[in-house]
Amino acid sequence: MELKEKIESLIQELNFEKVYVSGTPLLLRDGIYYKITFVKGLNSYVIEFASSYDEAVKNMFEDGDIYPISLGEDQLISQLHHDLKKIYLND
């Protein structure tokens, strides 16, 4: 399974809803909007989040964490899973 597919699987496991805001694909859970994107210049995945629909519409996302590809797939997925649950979702 490719890294992108592993991230998709994690998103489903954590019950994020896929939504579009102003044409941008986002993840929604508990009223918070998230973007997990690959930033080529950093060679990393990055989490950004907006605390409301209005902030998401205005593209006012707060910087979250960075997950470099250099971690390796397993470590990157493990760290992303941990951070999403403990930091972002407070599970």
PDB file of N, CA and C in Angstrom:
ATOM      1  N   MET A   1       0.855  -1.184   0.000  1.00  0.00           N
ATOM      2  CA  MET A   1       0.000   0.000   0.000  1.00  0.00           C
ATOM      3  C   MET A   1       0.899   1.246   0.000  1.00  0.00           C
ATOM      4  N   GLU A   2       0.575   2.204  -0.846  1.00  0.00           N
ATOM      5  CA  GLU A   2       1.327   3.450  -0.920  1.00  0.00           C
ATOM      6  C   GLU A   2       1.067   4.315   0.310  1.00  0.00           C
ATOM      7  N   LEU A   3       1.978   5.236   0.588  1.00  0.00           N
ATOM      8  CA  LEU A   3       1.851   6.119   1.740  1.00  0.00           C
ATOM      9  C   LEU A   3       0.551   6.909   1.691  1.00  0.00           C
ATOM     10  N   LYS A   4       0.212   7.421   0.521  1.00  0.00           N
ATOM     11  CA  LYS A   4      -1.022   8.200   0.387  1.00  0.00           C
ATOM     12  C   LYS A   4      -2.244   7.345   0.755  1.00  0.00           C
ATOM     13  N   GLU A   5      -2.233   6.079   0.349  1.00  0.00           N
ATOM     14  CA  GLU A   5      -3.338   5.166   0.686  1.00  0.00           C
ATOM     15  C   GLU A   5      -3.369   4.890   2.186  1.00  0.00           C
ATOM     16  N   LYS A   6      -2.211   4.797   2.818  1.00  0.00           N
ATOM     17  CA  LYS A   6      -2.146   4.579   4.261  1.00  0.00           C
ATOM     18  C   LYS A   6      -2.722   5.775   5.012  1.00  0.00           C
ATOM     19  N   ILE A   7      -2.438   6.969   4.513  1.00  0.00           N
ATOM     20  CA  ILE A   7      -2.993   8.184   5.136  1.00  0.00           C
ATOM     21  C   ILE A   7      -4.510   8.197   4.961  1.00  0.00           C
ATOM     22  N   GLU A   8      -4.990   7.836   3.771  1.00  0.00           N
ATOM     23  CA  GLU A   8      -6.442   7.756   3.528  1.00  0.00           C
ATOM     24  C   GLU A   8      -7.099   6.762   4.484  1.00  0.00           C
ATOM     25  N   SER A   9      -6.469   5.631   4.686  1.00  0.00           N
ATOM     26  CA  SER A   9      -6.986   4.608   5.588  1.00  0.00           C
ATOM     27  C   SER A   9      -7.047   5.137   7.019  1.00  0.00           C
ATOM     28  N   LEU A  10      -6.024   5.857   7.434  1.00  0.00           N
ATOM     29  CA  LEU A  10      -5.997   6.449   8.767  1.00  0.00           C
ATOM     30  C   LEU A  10      -7.122   7.470   8.936  1.00  0.00           C
ATOM     31  N   ILE A  11      -7.349   8.275   7.914  1.00  0.00           N
ATOM     32  CA  ILE A  11      -8.417   9.279   7.935  1.00  0.00           C
ATOM     33  C   ILE A  11      -9.779   8.601   8.127  1.00  0.00           C
ATOM     34  N   GLN A  12      -9.993   7.497   7.422  1.00  0.00           N
ATOM     35  CA  GLN A  12     -11.247   6.755   7.570  1.00  0.00           C
ATOM     36  C   GLN A  12     -11.362   6.142   8.953  1.00  0.00           C
ATOM     37  N   GLU A  13     -10.272   5.574   9.434  1.00  0.00           N
ATOM     38  CA  GLU A  13     -10.257   4.946  10.766  1.00  0.00           C
ATOM     39  C   GLU A  13     -10.635   5.941  11.860  1.00  0.00           C
ATOM     40  N   LEU A  14     -10.196   7.182  11.715  1.00  0.00           N
ATOM     41  CA  LEU A  14     -10.454   8.207  12.729  1.00  0.00           C
ATOM     42  C   LEU A  14     -11.755   8.970  12.482  1.00  0.00           C
ATOM     43  N   ASN A  15     -12.545   8.504  11.534  1.00  0.00           N
ATOM     44  CA  ASN A  15     -13.887   9.036  11.270  1.00  0.00           C
ATOM     45  C   ASN A  15     -13.931  10.507  10.867  1.00  0.00           C
ATOM     46  N   PHE A  16     -12.975  10.909  10.040  1.00  0.00           N
ATOM     47  CA  PHE A  16     -13.045  12.247   9.459  1.00  0.00           C
ATOM     48  C   PHE A  16     -14.045  12.218   8.315  1.00  0.00           C
ATOM     49  N   GLU A  17     -14.756  13.315   8.149  1.00  0.00           N
ATOM     50  CA  GLU A  17     -15.671  13.469   7.018  1.00  0.00           C
ATOM     51  C   GLU A  17     -14.937  14.267   5.946  1.00  0.00           C
ATOM     52  N   LYS A  18     -14.989  13.798   4.713  1.00  0.00           N
ATOM     53  CA  LYS A  18     -14.390  14.533   3.610  1.00  0.00           C
ATOM     54  C   LYS A  18     -15.395  15.551   3.104  1.00  0.00           C
ATOM     55  N   VAL A  19     -14.983  16.816   3.063  1.00  0.00           N
ATOM     56  CA  VAL A  19     -15.849  17.903   2.619  1.00  0.00           C
ATOM     57  C   VAL A  19     -15.070  18.808   1.670  1.00  0.00           C
ATOM     58  N   TYR A  20     -15.806  19.623   0.943  1.00  0.00           N
ATOM     59  CA  TYR A  20     -15.202  20.634   0.088  1.00  0.00           C
ATOM     60  C   TYR A  20     -15.651  21.999   0.568  1.00  0.00           C
ATOM     61  N   VAL A  21     -14.710  22.903   0.739  1.00  0.00           N
ATOM     62  CA  VAL A  21     -15.009  24.277   1.118  1.00  0.00           C
ATOM     63  C   VAL A  21     -14.333  25.167   0.081  1.00  0.00           C
ATOM     64  N   SER A  22     -15.123  25.938  -0.606  1.00  0.00           N
ATOM     65  CA  SER A  22     -14.621  26.801  -1.683  1.00  0.00           C
ATOM     66  C   SER A  22     -13.795  26.000  -2.691  1.00  0.00           C
ATOM     67  N   GLY A  23     -14.231  24.769  -2.962  1.00  0.00           N
ATOM     68  CA  GLY A  23     -13.569  23.920  -3.937  1.00  0.00           C
ATOM     69  C   GLY A  23     -12.334  23.193  -3.422  1.00  0.00           C
ATOM     70  N   THR A  24     -11.975  23.418  -2.169  1.00  0.00           N
ATOM     71  CA  THR A  24     -10.791  22.779  -1.591  1.00  0.00           C
ATOM     72  C   THR A  24     -11.202  21.547  -0.785  1.00  0.00           C
ATOM     73  N   PRO A  25     -10.583  20.399  -1.062  1.00  0.00           N
ATOM     74  CA  PRO A  25     -10.904  19.209  -0.276  1.00  0.00           C
ATOM     75  C   PRO A  25     -10.328  19.326   1.140  1.00  0.00           C
ATOM     76  N   LEU A  26     -11.188  19.135   2.115  1.00  0.00           N
ATOM     77  CA  LEU A  26     -10.791  19.229   3.518  1.00  0.00           C
ATOM     78  C   LEU A  26     -11.336  18.034   4.286  1.00  0.00           C
ATOM     79  N   LEU A  27     -10.873  17.908   5.500  1.00  0.00           N
ATOM     80  CA  LEU A  27     -11.380  16.902   6.428  1.00  0.00           C
ATOM     81  C   LEU A  27     -12.076  17.635   7.558  1.00  0.00           C
ATOM     82  N   LEU A  28     -13.184  17.083   8.007  1.00  0.00           N
ATOM     83  CA  LEU A  28     -13.973  17.722   9.052  1.00  0.00           C
ATOM     84  C   LEU A  28     -14.218  16.735  10.175  1.00  0.00           C
ATOM     85  N   ARG A  29     -14.007  17.199  11.380  1.00  0.00           N
ATOM     86  CA  ARG A  29     -14.379  16.406  12.548  1.00  0.00           C
ATOM     87  C   ARG A  29     -14.548  17.357  13.719  1.00  0.00           C
ATOM     88  N   ASP A  30     -15.665  17.190  14.420  1.00  0.00           N
ATOM     89  CA  ASP A  30     -15.969  17.986  15.613  1.00  0.00           C
ATOM     90  C   ASP A  30     -15.894  19.493  15.355  1.00  0.00           C
ATOM     91  N   GLY A  31     -16.305  19.911  14.156  1.00  0.00           N
ATOM     92  CA  GLY A  31     -16.363  21.332  13.828  1.00  0.00           C
ATOM     93  C   GLY A  31     -15.041  21.952  13.413  1.00  0.00           C
ATOM     94  N   ILE A  32     -13.984  21.161  13.368  1.00  0.00           N
ATOM     95  CA  ILE A  32     -12.666  21.655  12.973  1.00  0.00           C
ATOM     96  C   ILE A  32     -12.363  21.133  11.565  1.00  0.00           C
ATOM     97  N   TYR A  33     -11.830  22.012  10.731  1.00  0.00           N
ATOM     98  CA  TYR A  33     -11.484  21.674   9.350  1.00  0.00           C
ATOM     99  C   TYR A  33      -9.973  21.469   9.256  1.00  0.00           C
ATOM    100  N   TYR A  34      -9.580  20.386   8.599  1.00  0.00           N
ATOM    101  CA  TYR A  34      -8.171  20.021   8.490  1.00  0.00           C
ATOM    102  C   TYR A  34      -7.763  19.876   7.031  1.00  0.00           C
ATOM    103  N   LYS A  35      -6.494  20.207   6.768  1.00  0.00           N
ATOM    104  CA  LYS A  35      -5.865  19.923   5.481  1.00  0.00           C
ATOM    105  C   LYS A  35      -4.609  19.124   5.789  1.00  0.00           C
ATOM    106  N   ILE A  36      -4.460  17.998   5.122  1.00  0.00           N
ATOM    107  CA  ILE A  36      -3.212  17.248   5.184  1.00  0.00           C
ATOM    108  C   ILE A  36      -2.687  17.229   3.757  1.00  0.00           C
ATOM    109  N   THR A  37      -1.615  17.968   3.534  1.00  0.00           N
ATOM    110  CA  THR A  37      -1.098  18.116   2.183  1.00  0.00           C
ATOM    111  C   THR A  37       0.383  17.773   2.128  1.00  0.00           C
ATOM    112  N   PHE A  38       0.810  17.372   0.944  1.00  0.00           N
ATOM    113  CA  PHE A  38       2.224  17.120   0.723  1.00  0.00           C
ATOM    114  C   PHE A  38       2.857  18.397   0.204  1.00  0.00           C
ATOM    115  N   VAL A  39       3.915  18.851   0.875  1.00  0.00           N
ATOM    116  CA  VAL A  39       4.636  20.047   0.461  1.00  0.00           C
ATOM    117  C   VAL A  39       5.966  19.594  -0.132  1.00  0.00           C
ATOM    118  N   LYS A  40       6.056  19.723  -1.443  1.00  0.00           N
ATOM    119  CA  LYS A  40       7.211  19.209  -2.182  1.00  0.00           C
ATOM    120  C   LYS A  40       8.527  19.828  -1.693  1.00  0.00           C
ATOM    121  N   GLY A  41       8.529  21.137  -1.461  1.00  0.00           N
ATOM    122  CA  GLY A  41       9.742  21.830  -1.019  1.00  0.00           C
ATOM    123  C   GLY A  41      10.270  21.325   0.309  1.00  0.00           C
ATOM    124  N   LEU A  42       9.381  20.847   1.162  1.00  0.00           N
ATOM    125  CA  LEU A  42       9.777  20.292   2.463  1.00  0.00           C
ATOM    126  C   LEU A  42       9.928  18.776   2.409  1.00  0.00           C
ATOM    127  N   ASN A  43       9.459  18.183   1.318  1.00  0.00           N
ATOM    128  CA  ASN A  43       9.412  16.728   1.182  1.00  0.00           C
ATOM    129  C   ASN A  43       8.710  16.110   2.404  1.00  0.00           C
ATOM    130  N   SER A  44       7.580  16.737   2.755  1.00  0.00           N
ATOM    131  CA  SER A  44       6.864  16.374   3.973  1.00  0.00           C
ATOM    132  C   SER A  44       5.368  16.545   3.800  1.00  0.00           C
ATOM    133  N   TYR A  45       4.628  15.824   4.632  1.00  0.00           N
ATOM    134  CA  TYR A  45       3.201  16.074   4.773  1.00  0.00           C
ATOM    135  C   TYR A  45       3.025  17.097   5.885  1.00  0.00           C
ATOM    136  N   VAL A  46       2.045  17.972   5.713  1.00  0.00           N
ATOM    137  CA  VAL A  46       1.800  19.045   6.668  1.00  0.00           C
ATOM    138  C   VAL A  46       0.320  19.049   7.044  1.00  0.00           C
ATOM    139  N   ILE A  47       0.049  19.235   8.329  1.00  0.00           N
ATOM    140  CA  ILE A  47      -1.330  19.405   8.798  1.00  0.00           C
ATOM    141  C   ILE A  47      -1.557  20.889   9.048  1.00  0.00           C
ATOM    142  N   GLU A  48      -2.688  21.356   8.559  1.00  0.00           N
ATOM    143  CA  GLU A  48      -3.160  22.703   8.857  1.00  0.00           C
ATOM    144  C   GLU A  48      -4.601  22.567   9.321  1.00  0.00           C
ATOM    145  N   PHE A  49      -5.070  23.513  10.124  1.00  0.00           N
ATOM    146  CA  PHE A  49      -6.436  23.411  10.610  1.00  0.00           C
ATOM    147  C   PHE A  49      -7.082  24.781  10.769  1.00  0.00           C
ATOM    148  N   ALA A  50      -8.405  24.787  10.627  1.00  0.00           N
ATOM    149  CA  ALA A  50      -9.213  25.987  10.818  1.00  0.00           C
ATOM    150  C   ALA A  50     -10.291  25.651  11.838  1.00  0.00           C
ATOM    151  N   SER A  51     -10.517  26.549  12.764  1.00  0.00           N
ATOM    152  CA  SER A  51     -11.428  26.291  13.875  1.00  0.00           C
ATOM    153  C   SER A  51     -12.901  26.449  13.542  1.00  0.00           C
ATOM    154  N   SER A  52     -13.195  26.955  12.335  1.00  0.00           N
ATOM    155  CA  SER A  52     -14.598  27.145  11.963  1.00  0.00           C
ATOM    156  C   SER A  52     -14.744  27.118  10.447  1.00  0.00           C
ATOM    157  N   TYR A  53     -15.986  27.013  10.017  1.00  0.00           N
ATOM    158  CA  TYR A  53     -16.281  27.052   8.588  1.00  0.00           C
ATOM    159  C   TYR A  53     -15.855  28.397   8.009  1.00  0.00           C
ATOM    160  N   ASP A  54     -16.147  29.484   8.730  1.00  0.00           N
ATOM    161  CA  ASP A  54     -15.781  30.815   8.236  1.00  0.00           C
ATOM    162  C   ASP A  54     -14.280  30.943   8.016  1.00  0.00           C
ATOM    163  N   GLU A  55     -13.485  30.417   8.945  1.00  0.00           N
ATOM    164  CA  GLU A  55     -12.033  30.460   8.780  1.00  0.00           C
ATOM    165  C   GLU A  55     -11.603  29.616   7.578  1.00  0.00           C
ATOM    166  N   ALA A  56     -12.236  28.455   7.402  1.00  0.00           N
ATOM    167  CA  ALA A  56     -11.895  27.589   6.271  1.00  0.00           C
ATOM    168  C   ALA A  56     -12.222  28.276   4.950  1.00  0.00           C
ATOM    169  N   VAL A  57     -13.381  28.948   4.873  1.00  0.00           N
ATOM    170  CA  VAL A  57     -13.774  29.666   3.659  1.00  0.00           C
ATOM    171  C   VAL A  57     -12.765  30.767   3.338  1.00  0.00           C
ATOM    172  N   LYS A  58     -12.276  31.441   4.378  1.00  0.00           N
ATOM    173  CA  LYS A  58     -11.316  32.534   4.189  1.00  0.00           C
ATOM    174  C   LYS A  58      -9.884  32.023   4.077  1.00  0.00           C
ATOM    175  N   ASN A  59      -9.715  30.697   4.063  1.00  0.00           N
ATOM    176  CA  ASN A  59      -8.395  30.067   3.975  1.00  0.00           C
ATOM    177  C   ASN A  59      -7.471  30.514   5.108  1.00  0.00           C
ATOM    178  N   MET A  60      -8.051  30.642   6.293  1.00  0.00           N
ATOM    179  CA  MET A  60      -7.301  31.057   7.477  1.00  0.00           C
ATOM    180  C   MET A  60      -6.946  29.813   8.299  1.00  0.00           C
ATOM    181  N   PHE A  61      -6.001  29.043   7.801  1.00  0.00           N
ATOM    182  CA  PHE A  61      -5.594  27.813   8.458  1.00  0.00           C
ATOM    183  C   PHE A  61      -4.366  28.064   9.329  1.00  0.00           C
ATOM    184  N   GLU A  62      -4.388  27.480  10.509  1.00  0.00           N
ATOM    185  CA  GLU A  62      -3.241  27.526  11.413  1.00  0.00           C
ATOM    186  C   GLU A  62      -2.270  26.427  10.993  1.00  0.00           C
ATOM    187  N   ASP A  63      -0.996  26.706  11.140  1.00  0.00           N
ATOM    188  CA  ASP A  63       0.001  25.682  10.862  1.00  0.00           C
ATOM    189  C   ASP A  63      -0.033  24.634  11.954  1.00  0.00           C
ATOM    190  N   GLY A  64       0.027  23.393  11.512  1.00  0.00           N
ATOM    191  CA  GLY A  64       0.080  22.285  12.449  1.00  0.00           C
ATOM    192  C   GLY A  64       1.464  21.672  12.427  1.00  0.00           C
ATOM    193  N   ASP A  65       1.511  20.378  12.338  1.00  0.00           N
ATOM    194  CA  ASP A  65       2.775  19.663  12.384  1.00  0.00           C
ATOM    195  C   ASP A  65       3.256  19.247  11.001  1.00  0.00           C
ATOM    196  N   ILE A  66       4.542  18.934  10.935  1.00  0.00           N
ATOM    197  CA  ILE A  66       5.198  18.506   9.702  1.00  0.00           C
ATOM    198  C   ILE A  66       5.659  17.065   9.880  1.00  0.00           C
ATOM    199  N   TYR A  67       5.411  16.254   8.850  1.00  0.00           N
ATOM    200  CA  TYR A  67       5.773  14.835   8.872  1.00  0.00           C
ATOM    201  C   TYR A  67       6.651  14.536   7.669  1.00  0.00           C
ATOM    202  N   PRO A  68       7.980  14.603   7.856  1.00  0.00           N
ATOM    203  CA  PRO A  68       8.890  14.399   6.730  1.00  0.00           C
ATOM    204  C   PRO A  68       8.900  12.957   6.234  1.00  0.00           C
ATOM    205  N   ILE A  69       9.000  12.819   4.933  1.00  0.00           N
ATOM    206  CA  ILE A  69       9.089  11.509   4.298  1.00  0.00           C
ATOM    207  C   ILE A  69      10.291  10.739   4.840  1.00  0.00           C
ATOM    208  N   SER A  70      11.319  11.469   5.248  1.00  0.00           N
ATOM    209  CA  SER A  70      12.545  10.832   5.746  1.00  0.00           C
ATOM    210  C   SER A  70      12.312   9.986   7.003  1.00  0.00           C
ATOM    211  N   LEU A  71      11.162  10.174   7.672  1.00  0.00           N
ATOM    212  CA  LEU A  71      10.833   9.327   8.830  1.00  0.00           C
ATOM    213  C   LEU A  71      10.651   7.874   8.424  1.00  0.00           C
ATOM    214  N   GLY A  72      10.290   7.661   7.169  1.00  0.00           N
ATOM    215  CA  GLY A  72       9.914   6.327   6.715  1.00  0.00           C
ATOM    216  C   GLY A  72       8.414   6.172   6.866  1.00  0.00           C
ATOM    217  N   GLU A  73       7.812   5.350   6.013  1.00  0.00           N
ATOM    218  CA  GLU A  73       6.344   5.231   5.981  1.00  0.00           C
ATOM    219  C   GLU A  73       5.749   4.823   7.325  1.00  0.00           C
ATOM    220  N   ASP A  74       6.287   3.774   7.929  1.00  0.00           N
ATOM    221  CA  ASP A  74       5.704   3.267   9.169  1.00  0.00           C
ATOM    222  C   ASP A  74       5.765   4.299  10.285  1.00  0.00           C
ATOM    223  N   GLN A  75       6.914   4.954  10.445  1.00  0.00           N
ATOM    224  CA  GLN A  75       7.070   5.955  11.503  1.00  0.00           C
ATOM    225  C   GLN A  75       6.198   7.175  11.224  1.00  0.00           C
ATOM    226  N   LEU A  76       6.123   7.594   9.966  1.00  0.00           N
ATOM    227  CA  LEU A  76       5.295   8.743   9.606  1.00  0.00           C
ATOM    228  C   LEU A  76       3.827   8.462   9.933  1.00  0.00           C
ATOM    229  N   ILE A  77       3.327   7.300   9.543  1.00  0.00           N
ATOM    230  CA  ILE A  77       1.929   6.943   9.818  1.00  0.00           C
ATOM    231  C   ILE A  77       1.695   6.830  11.325  1.00  0.00           C
ATOM    232  N   SER A  78       2.624   6.226  12.023  1.00  0.00           N
ATOM    233  CA  SER A  78       2.505   6.073  13.474  1.00  0.00           C
ATOM    234  C   SER A  78       2.449   7.441  14.164  1.00  0.00           C
ATOM    235  N   GLN A  79       3.332   8.347  13.773  1.00  0.00           N
ATOM    236  CA  GLN A  79       3.363   9.681  14.380  1.00  0.00           C
ATOM    237  C   GLN A  79       2.116  10.477  14.010  1.00  0.00           C
ATOM    238  N   LEU A  80       1.694  10.392  12.764  1.00  0.00           N
ATOM    239  CA  LEU A  80       0.489  11.083  12.319  1.00  0.00           C
ATOM    240  C   LEU A  80      -0.732  10.571  13.085  1.00  0.00           C
ATOM    241  N   HIS A  81      -0.841   9.259  13.231  1.00  0.00           N
ATOM    242  CA  HIS A  81      -1.950   8.654  13.973  1.00  0.00           C
ATOM    243  C   HIS A  81      -1.947   9.155  15.421  1.00  0.00           C
ATOM    244  N   HIS A  82      -0.795   9.106  16.065  1.00  0.00           N
ATOM    245  CA  HIS A  82      -0.689   9.561  17.452  1.00  0.00           C
ATOM    246  C   HIS A  82      -1.096  11.021  17.581  1.00  0.00           C
ATOM    247  N   ASP A  83      -0.532  11.887  16.739  1.00  0.00           N
ATOM    248  CA  ASP A  83      -0.801  13.315  16.838  1.00  0.00           C
ATOM    249  C   ASP A  83      -2.255  13.652  16.542  1.00  0.00           C
ATOM    250  N   LEU A  84      -2.822  13.023  15.528  1.00  0.00           N
ATOM    251  CA  LEU A  84      -4.232  13.287  15.219  1.00  0.00           C
ATOM    252  C   LEU A  84      -5.111  12.937  16.416  1.00  0.00           C
ATOM    253  N   LYS A  85      -4.868  11.794  17.022  1.00  0.00           N
ATOM    254  CA  LYS A  85      -5.696  11.357  18.154  1.00  0.00           C
ATOM    255  C   LYS A  85      -5.460  12.195  19.413  1.00  0.00           C
ATOM    256  N   LYS A  86      -4.219  12.401  19.775  1.00  0.00           N
ATOM    257  CA  LYS A  86      -3.891  13.006  21.060  1.00  0.00           C
ATOM    258  C   LYS A  86      -3.860  14.543  21.032  1.00  0.00           C
ATOM    259  N   ILE A  87      -3.391  15.120  19.948  1.00  0.00           N
ATOM    260  CA  ILE A  87      -3.242  16.568  19.889  1.00  0.00           C
ATOM    261  C   ILE A  87      -4.458  17.232  19.254  1.00  0.00           C
ATOM    262  N   TYR A  88      -4.847  16.757  18.071  1.00  0.00           N
ATOM    263  CA  TYR A  88      -5.891  17.430  17.322  1.00  0.00           C
ATOM    264  C   TYR A  88      -7.298  17.015  17.724  1.00  0.00           C
ATOM    265  N   LEU A  89      -7.499  15.747  18.027  1.00  0.00           N
ATOM    266  CA  LEU A  89      -8.844  15.265  18.348  1.00  0.00           C
ATOM    267  C   LEU A  89      -9.075  15.082  19.841  1.00  0.00           C
ATOM    268  N   ASN A  90      -8.015  15.183  20.606  1.00  0.00           N
ATOM    269  CA  ASN A  90      -8.097  15.004  22.059  1.00  0.00           C
ATOM    270  C   ASN A  90      -8.763  13.701  22.451  1.00  0.00           C
ATOM    271  N   ASP A  91      -8.515  12.631  21.705  1.00  0.00           N
ATOM    272  CA  ASP A  91      -9.079  11.316  22.030  1.00  0.00           C
ATOM    273  C   ASP A  91      -8.219  10.610  23.064  1.00  0.00           C
TER     274      ASP A  91
END
